[in-house]
Amino acid sequence: MNEKPTFDNDYGGFLWALIGFLIPVVGLILYFIWNDDKPRRCESIKTGFTIGFVCWFVTWALANCGS
């Protein structure tokens, strides 16, 4: 019997995005652990991680190329 998994306890949200933004390594690890089981949380973590990485890269580029 192929039953579709239910994601009743899977809530994405700001907190998960904030974790991905502030602690990207933890966010990346949680993303790979929960990728199949909690897709909504993973989407939030991925969004936070992406925004955090872009902000870090822009800050680094401005600091090093502004001479």
PDB file of N, CA and C in Angstrom:
ATOM      1  N   MET A   1       0.818  -1.174   0.000  1.00  0.00           N
ATOM      2  CA  MET A   1       0.000   0.000   0.000  1.00  0.00           C
ATOM      3  C   MET A   1       0.873   1.252   0.000  1.00  0.00           C
ATOM      4  N   ASN A   2       0.685   2.080  -0.979  1.00  0.00           N
ATOM      5  CA  ASN A   2       1.409   3.344  -1.042  1.00  0.00           C
ATOM      6  C   ASN A   2       0.590   4.431  -0.381  1.00  0.00           C
ATOM      7  N   GLU A   3       0.969   4.775   0.813  1.00  0.00           N
ATOM      8  CA  GLU A   3       0.297   5.857   1.511  1.00  0.00           C
ATOM      9  C   GLU A   3       1.133   7.114   1.376  1.00  0.00           C
ATOM     10  N   LYS A   4       0.466   8.236   1.137  1.00  0.00           N
ATOM     11  CA  LYS A   4       1.179   9.493   1.076  1.00  0.00           C
ATOM     12  C   LYS A   4       1.566   9.915   2.490  1.00  0.00           C
ATOM     13  N   PRO A   5       2.786  10.404   2.645  1.00  0.00           N
ATOM     14  CA  PRO A   5       3.175  10.859   3.983  1.00  0.00           C
ATOM     15  C   PRO A   5       2.402  12.113   4.362  1.00  0.00           C
ATOM     16  N   THR A   6       2.039  12.195   5.615  1.00  0.00           N
ATOM     17  CA  THR A   6       1.366  13.391   6.095  1.00  0.00           C
ATOM     18  C   THR A   6       2.380  14.249   6.823  1.00  0.00           C
ATOM     19  N   PHE A   7       2.258  15.539   6.649  1.00  0.00           N
ATOM     20  CA  PHE A   7       3.182  16.481   7.257  1.00  0.00           C
ATOM     21  C   PHE A   7       2.434  17.320   8.283  1.00  0.00           C
ATOM     22  N   ASP A   8       1.716  16.634   9.185  1.00  0.00           N
ATOM     23  CA  ASP A   8       0.909  17.335  10.174  1.00  0.00           C
ATOM     24  C   ASP A   8       1.752  18.154  11.130  1.00  0.00           C
ATOM     25  N   ASN A   9       2.921  17.668  11.462  1.00  0.00           N
ATOM     26  CA  ASN A   9       3.761  18.332  12.442  1.00  0.00           C
ATOM     27  C   ASN A   9       4.881  19.119  11.764  1.00  0.00           C
ATOM     28  N   ASP A  10       4.683  19.509  10.537  1.00  0.00           N
ATOM     29  CA  ASP A  10       5.709  20.205   9.762  1.00  0.00           C
ATOM     30  C   ASP A  10       5.276  21.644   9.534  1.00  0.00           C
ATOM     31  N   TYR A  11       5.789  22.529  10.342  1.00  0.00           N
ATOM     32  CA  TYR A  11       5.456  23.942  10.203  1.00  0.00           C
ATOM     33  C   TYR A  11       6.711  24.704   9.823  1.00  0.00           C
ATOM     34  N   GLY A  12       6.688  25.311   8.671  1.00  0.00           N
ATOM     35  CA  GLY A  12       7.777  26.203   8.307  1.00  0.00           C
ATOM     36  C   GLY A  12       7.505  27.541   8.958  1.00  0.00           C
ATOM     37  N   GLY A  13       8.441  28.413   8.902  1.00  0.00           N
ATOM     38  CA  GLY A  13       8.185  29.714   9.476  1.00  0.00           C
ATOM     39  C   GLY A  13       9.434  30.532   9.684  1.00  0.00           C
ATOM     40  N   PHE A  14       9.209  31.670  10.298  1.00  0.00           N
ATOM     41  CA  PHE A  14      10.269  32.648  10.486  1.00  0.00           C
ATOM     42  C   PHE A  14      11.408  32.104  11.348  1.00  0.00           C
ATOM     43  N   LEU A  15      11.094  31.362  12.388  1.00  0.00           N
ATOM     44  CA  LEU A  15      12.136  30.854  13.281  1.00  0.00           C
ATOM     45  C   LEU A  15      13.126  29.967  12.538  1.00  0.00           C
ATOM     46  N   TRP A  16      12.625  29.095  11.689  1.00  0.00           N
ATOM     47  CA  TRP A  16      13.518  28.209  10.936  1.00  0.00           C
ATOM     48  C   TRP A  16      14.351  29.000   9.933  1.00  0.00           C
ATOM     49  N   ALA A  17      13.741  30.011   9.322  1.00  0.00           N
ATOM     50  CA  ALA A  17      14.497  30.861   8.403  1.00  0.00           C
ATOM     51  C   ALA A  17      15.569  31.637   9.160  1.00  0.00           C
ATOM     52  N   LEU A  18      15.248  32.085  10.374  1.00  0.00           N
ATOM     53  CA  LEU A  18      16.210  32.819  11.185  1.00  0.00           C
ATOM     54  C   LEU A  18      17.390  31.925  11.579  1.00  0.00           C
ATOM     55  N   ILE A  19      17.115  30.684  11.913  1.00  0.00           N
ATOM     56  CA  ILE A  19      18.192  29.742  12.227  1.00  0.00           C
ATOM     57  C   ILE A  19      19.088  29.542  11.014  1.00  0.00           C
ATOM     58  N   GLY A  20      18.488  29.368   9.844  1.00  0.00           N
ATOM     59  CA  GLY A  20      19.274  29.218   8.624  1.00  0.00           C
ATOM     60  C   GLY A  20      20.086  30.456   8.294  1.00  0.00           C
ATOM     61  N   PHE A  21      19.564  31.635   8.657  1.00  0.00           N
ATOM     62  CA  PHE A  21      20.255  32.892   8.392  1.00  0.00           C
ATOM     63  C   PHE A  21      21.403  33.114   9.369  1.00  0.00           C
ATOM     64  N   LEU A  22      21.143  32.936  10.662  1.00  0.00           N
ATOM     65  CA  LEU A  22      22.137  33.247  11.683  1.00  0.00           C
ATOM     66  C   LEU A  22      23.190  32.158  11.861  1.00  0.00           C
ATOM     67  N   ILE A  23      22.789  30.911  11.698  1.00  0.00           N
ATOM     68  CA  ILE A  23      23.713  29.787  11.892  1.00  0.00           C
ATOM     69  C   ILE A  23      23.636  28.911  10.637  1.00  0.00           C
ATOM     70  N   PRO A  24      24.270  29.329   9.559  1.00  0.00           N
ATOM     71  CA  PRO A  24      24.100  28.623   8.281  1.00  0.00           C
ATOM     72  C   PRO A  24      24.558  27.169   8.298  1.00  0.00           C
ATOM     73  N   VAL A  25      25.593  26.846   9.056  1.00  0.00           N
ATOM     74  CA  VAL A  25      26.068  25.458   9.083  1.00  0.00           C
ATOM     75  C   VAL A  25      25.001  24.554   9.704  1.00  0.00           C
ATOM     76  N   VAL A  26      24.402  25.005  10.800  1.00  0.00           N
ATOM     77  CA  VAL A  26      23.333  24.233  11.436  1.00  0.00           C
ATOM     78  C   VAL A  26      22.135  24.123  10.491  1.00  0.00           C
ATOM     79  N   GLY A  27      21.793  25.223   9.827  1.00  0.00           N
ATOM     80  CA  GLY A  27      20.691  25.203   8.872  1.00  0.00           C
ATOM     81  C   GLY A  27      20.926  24.221   7.747  1.00  0.00           C
ATOM     82  N   LEU A  28      22.139  24.176   7.251  1.00  0.00           N
ATOM     83  CA  LEU A  28      22.472  23.250   6.169  1.00  0.00           C
ATOM     84  C   LEU A  28      22.374  21.807   6.629  1.00  0.00           C
ATOM     85  N   ILE A  29      22.858  21.531   7.835  1.00  0.00           N
ATOM     86  CA  ILE A  29      22.772  20.169   8.373  1.00  0.00           C
ATOM     87  C   ILE A  29      21.324  19.767   8.573  1.00  0.00           C
ATOM     88  N   LEU A  30      20.516  20.653   9.168  1.00  0.00           N
ATOM     89  CA  LEU A  30      19.097  20.343   9.382  1.00  0.00           C
ATOM     90  C   LEU A  30      18.370  20.159   8.055  1.00  0.00           C
ATOM     91  N   TYR A  31      18.744  20.939   7.058  1.00  0.00           N
ATOM     92  CA  TYR A  31      18.121  20.799   5.743  1.00  0.00           C
ATOM     93  C   TYR A  31      18.328  19.388   5.194  1.00  0.00           C
ATOM     94  N   PHE A  32      19.539  18.888   5.265  1.00  0.00           N
ATOM     95  CA  PHE A  32      19.810  17.560   4.725  1.00  0.00           C
ATOM     96  C   PHE A  32      19.211  16.449   5.575  1.00  0.00           C
ATOM     97  N   ILE A  33      19.089  16.671   6.871  1.00  0.00           N
ATOM     98  CA  ILE A  33      18.476  15.662   7.737  1.00  0.00           C
ATOM     99  C   ILE A  33      16.975  15.583   7.494  1.00  0.00           C
ATOM    100  N   TRP A  34      16.315  16.740   7.384  1.00  0.00           N
ATOM    101  CA  TRP A  34      14.853  16.794   7.289  1.00  0.00           C
ATOM    102  C   TRP A  34      14.318  16.883   5.864  1.00  0.00           C
ATOM    103  N   ASN A  35      15.158  16.757   4.876  1.00  0.00           N
ATOM    104  CA  ASN A  35      14.748  16.989   3.494  1.00  0.00           C
ATOM    105  C   ASN A  35      13.520  16.176   3.088  1.00  0.00           C
ATOM    106  N   ASP A  36      13.424  14.927   3.464  1.00  0.00           N
ATOM    107  CA  ASP A  36      12.290  14.090   3.076  1.00  0.00           C
ATOM    108  C   ASP A  36      11.140  14.158   4.069  1.00  0.00           C
ATOM    109  N   ASP A  37      11.454  14.314   5.345  1.00  0.00           N
ATOM    110  CA  ASP A  37      10.430  14.238   6.388  1.00  0.00           C
ATOM    111  C   ASP A  37       9.689  15.552   6.643  1.00  0.00           C
ATOM    112  N   LYS A  38      10.378  16.668   6.529  1.00  0.00           N
ATOM    113  CA  LYS A  38       9.784  17.963   6.870  1.00  0.00           C
ATOM    114  C   LYS A  38      10.076  18.981   5.771  1.00  0.00           C
ATOM    115  N   PRO A  39       9.390  18.888   4.647  1.00  0.00           N
ATOM    116  CA  PRO A  39       9.712  19.769   3.512  1.00  0.00           C
ATOM    117  C   PRO A  39       9.399  21.247   3.759  1.00  0.00           C
ATOM    118  N   ARG A  40       8.402  21.561   4.574  1.00  0.00           N
ATOM    119  CA  ARG A  40       8.084  22.973   4.837  1.00  0.00           C
ATOM    120  C   ARG A  40       9.185  23.640   5.660  1.00  0.00           C
ATOM    121  N   ARG A  41       9.667  22.932   6.662  1.00  0.00           N
ATOM    122  CA  ARG A  41      10.779  23.463   7.459  1.00  0.00           C
ATOM    123  C   ARG A  41      12.019  23.626   6.596  1.00  0.00           C
ATOM    124  N   CYS A  42      12.257  22.664   5.739  1.00  0.00           N
ATOM    125  CA  CYS A  42      13.427  22.731   4.865  1.00  0.00           C
ATOM    126  C   CYS A  42      13.355  23.924   3.930  1.00  0.00           C
ATOM    127  N   GLU A  43      12.179  24.219   3.454  1.00  0.00           N
ATOM    128  CA  GLU A  43      12.017  25.376   2.579  1.00  0.00           C
ATOM    129  C   GLU A  43      12.332  26.671   3.320  1.00  0.00           C
ATOM    130  N   SER A  44      11.883  26.776   4.566  1.00  0.00           N
ATOM    131  CA  SER A  44      12.181  27.962   5.372  1.00  0.00           C
ATOM    132  C   SER A  44      13.670  28.060   5.679  1.00  0.00           C
ATOM    133  N   ILE A  45      14.273  26.942   6.043  1.00  0.00           N
ATOM    134  CA  ILE A  45      15.704  26.935   6.340  1.00  0.00           C
ATOM    135  C   ILE A  45      16.497  27.309   5.097  1.00  0.00           C
ATOM    136  N   LYS A  46      16.109  26.786   3.957  1.00  0.00           N
ATOM    137  CA  LYS A  46      16.804  27.086   2.705  1.00  0.00           C
ATOM    138  C   LYS A  46      16.703  28.566   2.355  1.00  0.00           C
ATOM    139  N   THR A  47      15.533  29.151   2.588  1.00  0.00           N
ATOM    140  CA  THR A  47      15.351  30.580   2.321  1.00  0.00           C
ATOM    141  C   THR A  47      16.257  31.412   3.224  1.00  0.00           C
ATOM    142  N   GLY A  48      16.274  31.109   4.515  1.00  0.00           N
ATOM    143  CA  GLY A  48      17.135  31.838   5.440  1.00  0.00           C
ATOM    144  C   GLY A  48      18.599  31.678   5.114  1.00  0.00           C
ATOM    145  N   PHE A  49      19.007  30.456   4.781  1.00  0.00           N
ATOM    146  CA  PHE A  49      20.392  30.192   4.423  1.00  0.00           C
ATOM    147  C   PHE A  49      20.791  30.976   3.172  1.00  0.00           C
ATOM    148  N   THR A  50      19.931  30.989   2.183  1.00  0.00           N
ATOM    149  CA  THR A  50      20.226  31.687   0.931  1.00  0.00           C
ATOM    150  C   THR A  50      20.363  33.191   1.159  1.00  0.00           C
ATOM    151  N   ILE A  51      19.434  33.771   1.904  1.00  0.00           N
ATOM    152  CA  ILE A  51      19.495  35.203   2.195  1.00  0.00           C
ATOM    153  C   ILE A  51      20.749  35.523   3.005  1.00  0.00           C
ATOM    154  N   GLY A  52      21.058  34.695   3.993  1.00  0.00           N
ATOM    155  CA  GLY A  52      22.254  34.906   4.796  1.00  0.00           C
ATOM    156  C   GLY A  52      23.526  34.811   3.973  1.00  0.00           C
ATOM    157  N   PHE A  53      23.583  33.854   3.075  1.00  0.00           N
ATOM    158  CA  PHE A  53      24.773  33.687   2.236  1.00  0.00           C
ATOM    159  C   PHE A  53      24.949  34.868   1.295  1.00  0.00           C
ATOM    160  N   VAL A  54      23.858  35.337   0.706  1.00  0.00           N
ATOM    161  CA  VAL A  54      23.927  36.492  -0.193  1.00  0.00           C
ATOM    162  C   VAL A  54      24.381  37.733   0.578  1.00  0.00           C
ATOM    163  N   CYS A  55      23.833  37.939   1.772  1.00  0.00           N
ATOM    164  CA  CYS A  55      24.245  39.087   2.597  1.00  0.00           C
ATOM    165  C   CYS A  55      25.721  38.997   2.967  1.00  0.00           C
ATOM    166  N   TRP A  56      26.175  37.799   3.339  1.00  0.00           N
ATOM    167  CA  TRP A  56      27.578  37.619   3.663  1.00  0.00           C
ATOM    168  C   TRP A  56      28.458  37.914   2.454  1.00  0.00           C
ATOM    169  N   PHE A  57      28.077  37.416   1.290  1.00  0.00           N
ATOM    170  CA  PHE A  57      28.880  37.607   0.086  1.00  0.00           C
ATOM    171  C   PHE A  57      28.943  39.079  -0.305  1.00  0.00           C
ATOM    172  N   VAL A  58      27.823  39.782  -0.241  1.00  0.00           N
ATOM    173  CA  VAL A  58      27.793  41.203  -0.588  1.00  0.00           C
ATOM    174  C   VAL A  58      28.658  41.996   0.394  1.00  0.00           C
ATOM    175  N   THR A  59      28.555  41.678   1.676  1.00  0.00           N
ATOM    176  CA  THR A  59      29.372  42.360   2.675  1.00  0.00           C
ATOM    177  C   THR A  59      30.852  42.113   2.429  1.00  0.00           C
ATOM    178  N   TRP A  60      31.209  40.875   2.145  1.00  0.00           N
ATOM    179  CA  TRP A  60      32.591  40.533   1.850  1.00  0.00           C
ATOM    180  C   TRP A  60      33.083  41.258   0.612  1.00  0.00           C
ATOM    181  N   ALA A  61      32.271  41.291  -0.443  1.00  0.00           N
ATOM    182  CA  ALA A  61      32.667  41.943  -1.692  1.00  0.00           C
ATOM    183  C   ALA A  61      32.846  43.447  -1.483  1.00  0.00           C
ATOM    184  N   LEU A  62      31.961  44.074  -0.738  1.00  0.00           N
ATOM    185  CA  LEU A  62      32.090  45.509  -0.492  1.00  0.00           C
ATOM    186  C   LEU A  62      33.310  45.819   0.370  1.00  0.00           C
ATOM    187  N   ALA A  63      33.622  44.955   1.314  1.00  0.00           N
ATOM    188  CA  ALA A  63      34.766  45.180   2.185  1.00  0.00           C
ATOM    189  C   ALA A  63      36.101  45.001   1.442  1.00  0.00           C
ATOM    190  N   ASN A  64      36.125  44.077   0.494  1.00  0.00           N
ATOM    191  CA  ASN A  64      37.385  43.782  -0.190  1.00  0.00           C
ATOM    192  C   ASN A  64      37.586  44.522  -1.506  1.00  0.00           C
ATOM    193  N   CYS A  65      36.542  45.024  -2.097  1.00  0.00           N
ATOM    194  CA  CYS A  65      36.659  45.686  -3.399  1.00  0.00           C
ATOM    195  C   CYS A  65      36.491  47.204  -3.292  1.00  0.00           C
ATOM    196  N   GLY A  66      36.354  47.697  -2.108  1.00  0.00           N
ATOM    197  CA  GLY A  66      36.078  49.133  -1.939  1.00  0.00           C
ATOM    198  C   GLY A  66      37.309  49.995  -1.816  1.00  0.00           C
ATOM    199  N   SER A  67      38.479  49.480  -2.153  1.00  0.00           N
ATOM    200  CA  SER A  67      39.707  50.266  -1.995  1.00  0.00           C
ATOM    201  C   SER A  67      39.833  51.318  -3.040  1.00  0.00           C
TER     202      SER A  67
END
